[in-house]
Amino acid sequence: MIFEDLINNNNLKIPNRYKNLEWNNSYVFSPLSIVHPGYFSALTSGEKLPFNDNQDLMSISVRLNSSFEIFNVNSFVAAAIWNNDLI
């Protein structure tokens, strides 16, 4: 999933129903102007990264009708931008 169609480049809250998903505490920004190697570890396609704000929990879910449903994720990339040598 890429986030290129979201208009604002920095710190835009990902709206609910984006790509038919519910996003909680999820934002997107473009790290290309920031020189920090952690961003480039996480940036595997496109030019924008999703992130959680203020280190609060982030969730992505599917809502059908009035209940949340289980969905499958084939793969994803997770990175800790500001912490090195995490195990």
Foldseek 3Di string as FASTA:
>chain_A
DDDVPPDDAPFAADPQCVVQKGKDQKTKHFCPVPDAVQVVQQCPDDGMDIDGPPPDDIDIFHDDDHDTDDDDDPDHDDTDRPDPPDD
